[in-house]
Amino acid sequence: MRTYLSVAKRMKATGYKAGFPDLFIYEARNGYHGLAIELKVKGNYASDKQKLVLGKLKDSGYRTEICTGFDHVANTIDEYLSKTK
């Protein structure tokens, strides 16, 4: 528990906001302003707060994805970045 609290304190100190995606690519492609990815392991799901943030980003012109596993993340990033500006 102590480790979790120290990580949480460091995240808060660096400006991390609850619900913000784990990965964010600030590169416009194919009509999107950027790519926001929420990472999950098999069996886990995005929280309501995470879904809310992703929805707001999507409504603002960002592509949003919830990815499970390395291959899903890698394929999503590769596909997104392969699009022309």
N, C-alpha and C. Protein backbone atom coordinates (compact mmCIF):
# COMPACT_ATOMS: atom_id res chain seq x y z
N MET A 1 0.82 -1.19 0.00
CA MET A 1 0.00 0.00 0.00
C MET A 1 0.87 1.26 0.00
N ARG A 2 1.95 1.21 0.71
CA ARG A 2 2.82 2.38 0.80
C ARG A 2 3.37 2.77 -0.58
N THR A 3 3.76 1.79 -1.38
CA THR A 3 4.28 2.07 -2.71
C THR A 3 3.22 2.76 -3.55
N TYR A 4 1.99 2.28 -3.51
CA TYR A 4 0.90 2.88 -4.27
C TYR A 4 0.72 4.34 -3.88
N LEU A 5 0.76 4.63 -2.60
CA LEU A 5 0.57 6.01 -2.15
C LEU A 5 1.70 6.92 -2.62
N SER A 6 2.93 6.43 -2.60
CA SER A 6 4.05 7.27 -3.05
C SER A 6 3.95 7.52 -4.55
N VAL A 7 3.53 6.53 -5.32
CA VAL A 7 3.33 6.73 -6.76
C VAL A 7 2.21 7.73 -6.99
N ALA A 8 1.12 7.59 -6.27
CA ALA A 8 -0.01 8.51 -6.41
C ALA A 8 0.41 9.94 -6.07
N LYS A 9 1.20 10.12 -5.04
CA LYS A 9 1.67 11.45 -4.66
C LYS A 9 2.55 12.06 -5.74
N ARG A 10 3.44 11.25 -6.30
CA ARG A 10 4.32 11.74 -7.37
C ARG A 10 3.50 12.11 -8.61
N MET A 11 2.51 11.30 -8.94
CA MET A 11 1.67 11.58 -10.11
C MET A 11 0.93 12.90 -9.92
N LYS A 12 0.38 13.09 -8.74
CA LYS A 12 -0.36 14.33 -8.46
C LYS A 12 0.58 15.53 -8.51
N ALA A 13 1.78 15.37 -7.98
CA ALA A 13 2.76 16.46 -7.95
C ALA A 13 3.19 16.87 -9.36
N THR A 14 3.15 15.93 -10.30
CA THR A 14 3.56 16.26 -11.67
C THR A 14 2.40 16.76 -12.52
N GLY A 15 1.22 16.88 -11.94
CA GLY A 15 0.09 17.44 -12.65
C GLY A 15 -0.88 16.43 -13.23
N TYR A 16 -0.68 15.15 -12.93
CA TYR A 16 -1.57 14.11 -13.44
C TYR A 16 -2.98 14.33 -12.91
N LYS A 17 -3.96 14.21 -13.80
CA LYS A 17 -5.36 14.34 -13.43
C LYS A 17 -6.06 12.99 -13.57
N ALA A 18 -6.86 12.63 -12.60
CA ALA A 18 -7.58 11.36 -12.64
C ALA A 18 -8.43 11.29 -13.90
N GLY A 19 -8.38 10.16 -14.57
CA GLY A 19 -9.18 9.95 -15.75
C GLY A 19 -8.48 10.29 -17.05
N PHE A 20 -7.36 11.05 -16.98
CA PHE A 20 -6.66 11.41 -18.21
C PHE A 20 -6.00 10.16 -18.78
N PRO A 21 -6.02 9.98 -20.12
CA PRO A 21 -5.48 8.77 -20.74
C PRO A 21 -4.02 8.50 -20.39
N ASP A 22 -3.67 7.22 -20.42
CA ASP A 22 -2.30 6.81 -20.10
C ASP A 22 -1.29 7.27 -21.14
N LEU A 23 -1.69 7.23 -22.40
CA LEU A 23 -0.82 7.67 -23.50
C LEU A 23 -1.55 8.75 -24.29
N PHE A 24 -0.80 9.78 -24.66
CA PHE A 24 -1.40 10.85 -25.44
C PHE A 24 -0.39 11.28 -26.49
N ILE A 25 -0.76 11.19 -27.75
CA ILE A 25 0.12 11.59 -28.85
C ILE A 25 -0.40 12.92 -29.38
N TYR A 26 0.42 13.94 -29.23
CA TYR A 26 0.05 15.30 -29.64
C TYR A 26 0.49 15.54 -31.09
N GLU A 27 -0.04 14.75 -31.97
CA GLU A 27 0.30 14.85 -33.39
C GLU A 27 -0.98 14.73 -34.19
N ALA A 28 -1.32 15.78 -34.92
CA ALA A 28 -2.53 15.76 -35.73
C ALA A 28 -2.36 14.82 -36.92
N ARG A 29 -3.38 14.00 -37.16
CA ARG A 29 -3.37 13.08 -38.30
C ARG A 29 -4.79 12.82 -38.75
N ASN A 30 -4.97 12.77 -40.08
CA ASN A 30 -6.23 12.31 -40.67
C ASN A 30 -7.47 12.96 -40.06
N GLY A 31 -7.39 14.26 -39.81
CA GLY A 31 -8.54 14.98 -39.29
C GLY A 31 -8.67 14.98 -37.78
N TYR A 32 -7.79 14.29 -37.07
CA TYR A 32 -7.80 14.29 -35.60
C TYR A 32 -6.73 15.25 -35.09
N HIS A 33 -6.97 15.81 -33.91
CA HIS A 33 -5.99 16.69 -33.27
C HIS A 33 -4.87 15.90 -32.59
N GLY A 34 -5.12 14.65 -32.25
CA GLY A 34 -4.16 13.80 -31.57
C GLY A 34 -4.81 12.47 -31.24
N LEU A 35 -4.06 11.60 -30.56
CA LEU A 35 -4.51 10.27 -30.19
C LEU A 35 -4.40 10.07 -28.68
N ALA A 36 -5.49 9.66 -28.05
CA ALA A 36 -5.52 9.40 -26.62
C ALA A 36 -5.79 7.91 -26.41
N ILE A 37 -4.94 7.25 -25.64
CA ILE A 37 -5.08 5.81 -25.41
C ILE A 37 -5.15 5.53 -23.91
N GLU A 38 -6.17 4.80 -23.52
CA GLU A 38 -6.30 4.30 -22.16
C GLU A 38 -5.85 2.83 -22.20
N LEU A 39 -4.88 2.48 -21.37
CA LEU A 39 -4.33 1.13 -21.35
C LEU A 39 -5.04 0.28 -20.30
N LYS A 40 -5.39 -0.92 -20.70
CA LYS A 40 -6.03 -1.86 -19.79
C LYS A 40 -5.43 -3.24 -19.98
N VAL A 41 -5.43 -4.04 -18.92
CA VAL A 41 -5.05 -5.44 -19.04
C VAL A 41 -6.33 -6.24 -19.20
N LYS A 42 -6.20 -7.41 -19.78
CA LYS A 42 -7.37 -8.24 -20.03
C LYS A 42 -8.18 -8.42 -18.74
N GLY A 43 -9.46 -8.19 -18.84
CA GLY A 43 -10.35 -8.32 -17.69
C GLY A 43 -10.63 -7.02 -16.96
N ASN A 44 -9.84 -5.97 -17.24
CA ASN A 44 -10.08 -4.66 -16.63
C ASN A 44 -10.80 -3.76 -17.62
N TYR A 45 -11.55 -2.81 -17.09
CA TYR A 45 -12.35 -1.92 -17.91
C TYR A 45 -12.11 -0.48 -17.51
N ALA A 46 -12.36 0.42 -18.43
CA ALA A 46 -12.22 1.84 -18.14
C ALA A 46 -13.26 2.26 -17.10
N SER A 47 -12.83 3.13 -16.20
CA SER A 47 -13.74 3.65 -15.17
C SER A 47 -14.68 4.67 -15.81
N ASP A 48 -15.71 5.03 -15.08
CA ASP A 48 -16.64 6.05 -15.56
C ASP A 48 -15.92 7.37 -15.81
N LYS A 49 -14.98 7.73 -14.93
CA LYS A 49 -14.21 8.96 -15.08
C LYS A 49 -13.36 8.90 -16.35
N GLN A 50 -12.74 7.76 -16.60
CA GLN A 50 -11.92 7.61 -17.80
C GLN A 50 -12.78 7.69 -19.06
N LYS A 51 -13.94 7.06 -19.03
CA LYS A 51 -14.86 7.12 -20.18
C LYS A 51 -15.33 8.55 -20.42
N LEU A 52 -15.59 9.28 -19.36
CA LEU A 52 -16.02 10.67 -19.47
C LEU A 52 -14.94 11.52 -20.14
N VAL A 53 -13.70 11.37 -19.68
CA VAL A 53 -12.59 12.14 -20.25
C VAL A 53 -12.39 11.77 -21.71
N LEU A 54 -12.40 10.47 -22.03
CA LEU A 54 -12.24 10.04 -23.41
C LEU A 54 -13.37 10.59 -24.29
N GLY A 55 -14.57 10.61 -23.77
CA GLY A 55 -15.71 11.16 -24.51
C GLY A 55 -15.54 12.64 -24.81
N LYS A 56 -15.06 13.39 -23.83
CA LYS A 56 -14.83 14.82 -24.03
C LYS A 56 -13.73 15.06 -25.06
N LEU A 57 -12.69 14.25 -24.99
CA LEU A 57 -11.61 14.37 -25.98
C LEU A 57 -12.12 14.04 -27.38
N LYS A 58 -12.90 12.98 -27.48
CA LYS A 58 -13.45 12.58 -28.78
C LYS A 58 -14.34 13.69 -29.35
N ASP A 59 -15.17 14.27 -28.50
CA ASP A 59 -16.05 15.37 -28.93
C ASP A 59 -15.26 16.60 -29.36
N SER A 60 -14.02 16.71 -28.87
CA SER A 60 -13.17 17.86 -29.20
C SER A 60 -12.26 17.59 -30.40
N GLY A 61 -12.44 16.43 -31.03
CA GLY A 61 -11.69 16.15 -32.25
C GLY A 61 -10.47 15.26 -32.11
N TYR A 62 -10.35 14.58 -30.98
CA TYR A 62 -9.24 13.65 -30.79
C TYR A 62 -9.72 12.22 -31.03
N ARG A 63 -8.83 11.40 -31.54
CA ARG A 63 -9.14 9.98 -31.65
C ARG A 63 -8.88 9.37 -30.28
N THR A 64 -9.78 8.53 -29.83
CA THR A 64 -9.63 7.90 -28.52
C THR A 64 -9.77 6.39 -28.66
N GLU A 65 -8.98 5.66 -27.89
CA GLU A 65 -9.01 4.20 -27.91
C GLU A 65 -8.78 3.67 -26.51
N ILE A 66 -9.41 2.56 -26.21
CA ILE A 66 -9.11 1.79 -25.01
C ILE A 66 -8.45 0.52 -25.52
N CYS A 67 -7.18 0.34 -25.18
CA CYS A 67 -6.40 -0.77 -25.71
C CYS A 67 -6.07 -1.78 -24.63
N THR A 68 -6.15 -3.05 -25.02
CA THR A 68 -5.82 -4.16 -24.12
C THR A 68 -4.65 -4.92 -24.71
N GLY A 69 -3.53 -4.87 -24.05
CA GLY A 69 -2.35 -5.61 -24.49
C GLY A 69 -1.45 -4.83 -25.41
N PHE A 70 -0.19 -5.26 -25.44
CA PHE A 70 0.84 -4.57 -26.22
C PHE A 70 0.51 -4.53 -27.70
N ASP A 71 0.10 -5.64 -28.28
CA ASP A 71 -0.17 -5.69 -29.72
C ASP A 71 -1.27 -4.70 -30.11
N HIS A 72 -2.31 -4.60 -29.29
CA HIS A 72 -3.40 -3.67 -29.57
C HIS A 72 -2.90 -2.22 -29.55
N VAL A 73 -2.08 -1.89 -28.56
CA VAL A 73 -1.52 -0.54 -28.45
C VAL A 73 -0.61 -0.25 -29.64
N ALA A 74 0.31 -1.17 -29.93
CA ALA A 74 1.27 -0.98 -31.02
C ALA A 74 0.56 -0.82 -32.36
N ASN A 75 -0.42 -1.66 -32.62
CA ASN A 75 -1.17 -1.57 -33.88
C ASN A 75 -1.94 -0.26 -33.99
N THR A 76 -2.53 0.18 -32.88
CA THR A 76 -3.28 1.44 -32.88
C THR A 76 -2.37 2.62 -33.17
N ILE A 77 -1.21 2.66 -32.52
CA ILE A 77 -0.26 3.75 -32.74
C ILE A 77 0.29 3.71 -34.16
N ASP A 78 0.69 2.52 -34.61
CA ASP A 78 1.22 2.40 -35.98
C ASP A 78 0.19 2.85 -37.01
N GLU A 79 -1.03 2.42 -36.85
CA GLU A 79 -2.09 2.78 -37.80
C GLU A 79 -2.34 4.28 -37.76
N TYR A 80 -2.38 4.86 -36.57
CA TYR A 80 -2.63 6.30 -36.44
C TYR A 80 -1.50 7.12 -37.08
N LEU A 81 -0.27 6.76 -36.78
CA LEU A 81 0.86 7.54 -37.28
C LEU A 81 1.15 7.31 -38.76
N SER A 82 0.63 6.23 -39.33
CA SER A 82 0.85 5.97 -40.74
C SER A 82 -0.04 6.83 -41.63
N LYS A 83 -1.04 7.45 -41.04
CA LYS A 83 -1.93 8.34 -41.80
C LYS A 83 -1.20 9.64 -42.10
N THR A 84 -1.50 10.22 -43.25
CA THR A 84 -0.87 11.49 -43.59
C THR A 84 -1.52 12.62 -42.81
N LYS A 85 -0.79 13.68 -42.68
CA LYS A 85 -1.30 14.85 -41.95
C LYS A 85 -2.39 15.45 -42.77
